[in-house]
Amino acid sequence: MKVTAAVLREPSGSFQIEELELGEPNADEVVVRMVGTGVCHPDLLSRELPAERFMAPIVFGHACAGVVGAVGAEGRGRGRGGG
């Protein structure tokens, strides 16, 4: 499935909005279709990591809200209200 993400590919570089390919969920995973996300201050600071600690590419945005879009085979019934 295709996803859109803010990607950083080099230290001190600029974020680029890219379309990426995301694999199907494993049996115990869910995929959440993000409807809103933000890039926070620690995300911005990680752009300044020394080159030897920078692991590119990095996808940013972890404070988010979304809707479950796919559930792995073992994921049904888990979470709020499902045990």
N, C-alpha and C. Protein backbone atom coordinates (compact mmCIF):
# COMPACT_ATOMS: atom_id res chain seq x y z
N MET A 1 0.84 -1.16 0.00
CA MET A 1 0.00 0.00 0.00
C MET A 1 0.90 1.23 0.00
N LYS A 2 0.43 2.29 -0.60
CA LYS A 2 1.18 3.54 -0.69
C LYS A 2 0.85 4.43 0.50
N VAL A 3 1.88 5.11 1.04
CA VAL A 3 1.71 6.05 2.14
C VAL A 3 2.48 7.32 1.79
N THR A 4 2.07 8.44 2.38
CA THR A 4 2.76 9.71 2.21
C THR A 4 3.42 10.05 3.53
N ALA A 5 4.70 10.46 3.48
CA ALA A 5 5.45 10.71 4.71
C ALA A 5 6.42 11.86 4.56
N ALA A 6 6.74 12.49 5.71
CA ALA A 6 7.81 13.49 5.77
C ALA A 6 9.10 12.71 6.04
N VAL A 7 10.03 12.74 5.10
CA VAL A 7 11.23 11.91 5.15
C VAL A 7 12.47 12.80 5.22
N LEU A 8 13.41 12.39 6.07
CA LEU A 8 14.71 13.06 6.15
C LEU A 8 15.75 12.04 5.73
N ARG A 9 16.54 12.38 4.72
CA ARG A 9 17.51 11.44 4.17
C ARG A 9 18.96 11.75 4.50
N GLU A 10 19.22 12.92 5.08
CA GLU A 10 20.59 13.26 5.45
C GLU A 10 20.58 14.23 6.63
N PRO A 11 21.63 14.19 7.47
CA PRO A 11 21.68 15.10 8.61
C PRO A 11 21.59 16.56 8.15
N SER A 12 20.87 17.35 8.92
CA SER A 12 20.68 18.78 8.65
C SER A 12 20.00 19.04 7.30
N GLY A 13 19.42 18.01 6.70
CA GLY A 13 18.73 18.18 5.43
C GLY A 13 17.33 18.71 5.62
N SER A 14 16.64 18.86 4.54
CA SER A 14 15.25 19.32 4.55
C SER A 14 14.32 18.11 4.52
N PHE A 15 13.17 18.25 5.19
CA PHE A 15 12.16 17.22 5.09
C PHE A 15 11.59 17.22 3.68
N GLN A 16 11.38 16.04 3.14
CA GLN A 16 10.76 15.89 1.84
C GLN A 16 9.48 15.08 2.00
N ILE A 17 8.41 15.53 1.38
CA ILE A 17 7.16 14.77 1.38
C ILE A 17 7.27 13.77 0.25
N GLU A 18 7.22 12.48 0.62
CA GLU A 18 7.42 11.40 -0.36
C GLU A 18 6.30 10.38 -0.26
N GLU A 19 6.07 9.69 -1.36
CA GLU A 19 5.17 8.55 -1.38
C GLU A 19 6.03 7.30 -1.22
N LEU A 20 5.71 6.48 -0.21
CA LEU A 20 6.47 5.28 0.10
C LEU A 20 5.58 4.05 -0.01
N GLU A 21 6.19 2.90 -0.15
CA GLU A 21 5.46 1.64 -0.18
C GLU A 21 5.52 1.02 1.20
N LEU A 22 4.36 0.68 1.77
CA LEU A 22 4.26 0.05 3.08
C LEU A 22 3.72 -1.36 2.89
N GLY A 23 4.39 -2.34 3.48
CA GLY A 23 3.94 -3.72 3.36
C GLY A 23 2.64 -3.97 4.10
N GLU A 24 2.03 -5.09 3.85
CA GLU A 24 0.80 -5.48 4.55
C GLU A 24 1.13 -5.77 6.01
N PRO A 25 0.16 -5.62 6.91
CA PRO A 25 0.45 -5.87 8.33
C PRO A 25 0.76 -7.34 8.59
N ASN A 26 1.67 -7.57 9.56
CA ASN A 26 1.90 -8.93 10.04
C ASN A 26 0.65 -9.39 10.77
N ALA A 27 0.61 -10.68 11.12
CA ALA A 27 -0.58 -11.26 11.73
C ALA A 27 -1.01 -10.55 13.01
N ASP A 28 -0.06 -9.99 13.76
CA ASP A 28 -0.40 -9.37 15.04
C ASP A 28 -0.33 -7.85 14.99
N GLU A 29 -0.47 -7.24 13.82
CA GLU A 29 -0.37 -5.80 13.64
C GLU A 29 -1.65 -5.22 13.04
N VAL A 30 -1.79 -3.91 13.19
CA VAL A 30 -2.85 -3.18 12.51
C VAL A 30 -2.21 -2.04 11.73
N VAL A 31 -2.87 -1.58 10.69
CA VAL A 31 -2.45 -0.40 9.95
C VAL A 31 -3.44 0.70 10.26
N VAL A 32 -2.93 1.85 10.67
CA VAL A 32 -3.78 2.99 10.99
C VAL A 32 -3.60 4.03 9.89
N ARG A 33 -4.70 4.40 9.24
CA ARG A 33 -4.66 5.45 8.21
C ARG A 33 -4.65 6.78 8.94
N MET A 34 -3.54 7.48 8.83
CA MET A 34 -3.36 8.73 9.55
C MET A 34 -4.18 9.83 8.88
N VAL A 35 -4.92 10.57 9.69
CA VAL A 35 -5.68 11.71 9.18
C VAL A 35 -5.09 13.03 9.66
N GLY A 36 -4.15 12.95 10.59
CA GLY A 36 -3.46 14.14 11.06
C GLY A 36 -2.23 13.74 11.86
N THR A 37 -1.14 14.45 11.70
CA THR A 37 0.08 14.18 12.45
C THR A 37 0.89 15.45 12.58
N GLY A 38 1.85 15.42 13.47
CA GLY A 38 2.69 16.59 13.66
C GLY A 38 4.14 16.19 13.83
N VAL A 39 5.02 17.12 13.54
CA VAL A 39 6.44 16.93 13.76
C VAL A 39 6.79 17.79 14.98
N CYS A 40 7.34 17.18 16.02
CA CYS A 40 7.60 17.89 17.26
C CYS A 40 9.06 18.36 17.35
N HIS A 41 9.34 19.11 18.41
CA HIS A 41 10.67 19.67 18.60
C HIS A 41 11.77 18.60 18.64
N PRO A 42 11.60 17.48 19.40
CA PRO A 42 12.65 16.44 19.36
C PRO A 42 12.88 15.89 17.95
N ASP A 43 11.82 15.80 17.13
CA ASP A 43 12.01 15.39 15.74
C ASP A 43 12.96 16.35 15.04
N LEU A 44 12.71 17.63 15.22
CA LEU A 44 13.56 18.63 14.57
C LEU A 44 14.99 18.57 15.07
N LEU A 45 15.17 18.33 16.37
CA LEU A 45 16.52 18.22 16.93
C LEU A 45 17.28 17.03 16.37
N SER A 46 16.59 15.95 16.04
CA SER A 46 17.27 14.77 15.52
C SER A 46 17.93 15.03 14.17
N ARG A 47 17.54 16.11 13.51
CA ARG A 47 18.20 16.50 12.26
C ARG A 47 19.66 16.85 12.52
N GLU A 48 19.99 17.20 13.77
CA GLU A 48 21.33 17.64 14.11
C GLU A 48 22.21 16.53 14.67
N LEU A 49 21.76 15.28 14.60
CA LEU A 49 22.59 14.17 15.08
C LEU A 49 23.89 14.10 14.29
N PRO A 50 24.97 13.68 14.94
CA PRO A 50 26.22 13.46 14.19
C PRO A 50 25.99 12.41 13.11
N ALA A 51 26.68 12.55 12.01
CA ALA A 51 26.48 11.67 10.85
C ALA A 51 26.56 10.19 11.22
N GLU A 52 27.46 9.83 12.16
CA GLU A 52 27.61 8.41 12.52
C GLU A 52 26.42 7.87 13.32
N ARG A 53 25.59 8.74 13.89
CA ARG A 53 24.40 8.31 14.64
C ARG A 53 23.12 8.49 13.84
N PHE A 54 23.20 9.16 12.72
CA PHE A 54 22.03 9.43 11.89
C PHE A 54 21.74 8.21 11.03
N MET A 55 20.55 7.65 11.16
CA MET A 55 20.19 6.44 10.41
C MET A 55 19.12 6.79 9.38
N ALA A 56 19.55 7.11 8.19
CA ALA A 56 18.62 7.53 7.14
C ALA A 56 18.10 6.33 6.37
N PRO A 57 16.95 6.43 5.77
CA PRO A 57 16.01 7.54 5.89
C PRO A 57 15.20 7.43 7.18
N ILE A 58 14.73 8.57 7.67
CA ILE A 58 13.89 8.62 8.86
C ILE A 58 12.54 9.22 8.46
N VAL A 59 11.47 8.58 8.91
CA VAL A 59 10.12 9.09 8.69
C VAL A 59 9.66 9.74 9.99
N PHE A 60 9.22 10.99 9.93
CA PHE A 60 8.84 11.75 11.10
C PHE A 60 7.34 11.88 11.24
N GLY A 61 6.92 12.23 12.45
CA GLY A 61 5.52 12.46 12.76
C GLY A 61 4.97 11.31 13.58
N HIS A 62 4.95 11.46 14.91
CA HIS A 62 4.47 10.38 15.77
C HIS A 62 3.32 10.80 16.67
N ALA A 63 3.01 12.08 16.73
CA ALA A 63 1.85 12.56 17.48
C ALA A 63 0.71 12.65 16.48
N CYS A 64 -0.15 11.64 16.47
CA CYS A 64 -1.07 11.53 15.34
C CYS A 64 -2.45 11.02 15.75
N ALA A 65 -3.37 11.11 14.81
CA ALA A 65 -4.72 10.58 14.96
C ALA A 65 -5.09 9.88 13.66
N GLY A 66 -5.82 8.78 13.76
CA GLY A 66 -6.14 8.06 12.54
C GLY A 66 -7.28 7.08 12.72
N VAL A 67 -7.49 6.29 11.68
CA VAL A 67 -8.56 5.30 11.61
C VAL A 67 -7.94 3.97 11.22
N VAL A 68 -8.33 2.89 11.89
CA VAL A 68 -7.80 1.57 11.55
C VAL A 68 -8.18 1.24 10.12
N GLY A 69 -7.16 0.93 9.30
CA GLY A 69 -7.39 0.66 7.89
C GLY A 69 -7.23 -0.81 7.52
N ALA A 70 -6.43 -1.57 8.29
CA ALA A 70 -6.22 -2.99 8.02
C ALA A 70 -5.81 -3.66 9.32
N VAL A 71 -6.21 -4.94 9.47
CA VAL A 71 -5.90 -5.69 10.68
C VAL A 71 -5.30 -7.02 10.28
N GLY A 72 -4.18 -7.39 10.93
CA GLY A 72 -3.58 -8.69 10.68
C GLY A 72 -4.48 -9.81 11.17
N ALA A 73 -4.22 -11.04 10.74
CA ALA A 73 -5.08 -12.18 11.03
C ALA A 73 -5.29 -12.41 12.53
N GLU A 74 -4.29 -12.12 13.36
CA GLU A 74 -4.42 -12.35 14.80
C GLU A 74 -4.80 -11.08 15.56
N GLY A 75 -5.05 -9.98 14.86
CA GLY A 75 -5.31 -8.70 15.51
C GLY A 75 -6.76 -8.43 15.85
N ARG A 76 -7.69 -9.21 15.36
CA ARG A 76 -9.11 -8.95 15.59
C ARG A 76 -9.46 -9.10 17.07
N GLY A 77 -10.31 -8.20 17.54
CA GLY A 77 -10.80 -8.28 18.90
C GLY A 77 -9.86 -7.70 19.93
N ARG A 78 -8.72 -7.16 19.52
CA ARG A 78 -7.78 -6.58 20.48
C ARG A 78 -8.03 -5.09 20.60
N GLY A 79 -7.51 -4.53 21.67
CA GLY A 79 -7.64 -3.09 21.86
C GLY A 79 -8.88 -2.75 22.69
N ARG A 80 -9.28 -1.50 22.62
CA ARG A 80 -10.37 -1.01 23.45
C ARG A 80 -11.63 -1.83 23.23
N GLY A 81 -12.15 -2.37 24.30
CA GLY A 81 -13.41 -3.10 24.26
C GLY A 81 -13.30 -4.51 23.69
N GLY A 82 -12.16 -4.86 23.10
CA GLY A 82 -12.05 -6.17 22.48
C GLY A 82 -11.21 -7.14 23.28
N GLY A 83 -10.66 -6.72 24.42
CA GLY A 83 -9.87 -7.61 25.25
C GLY A 83 -8.47 -7.59 24.85
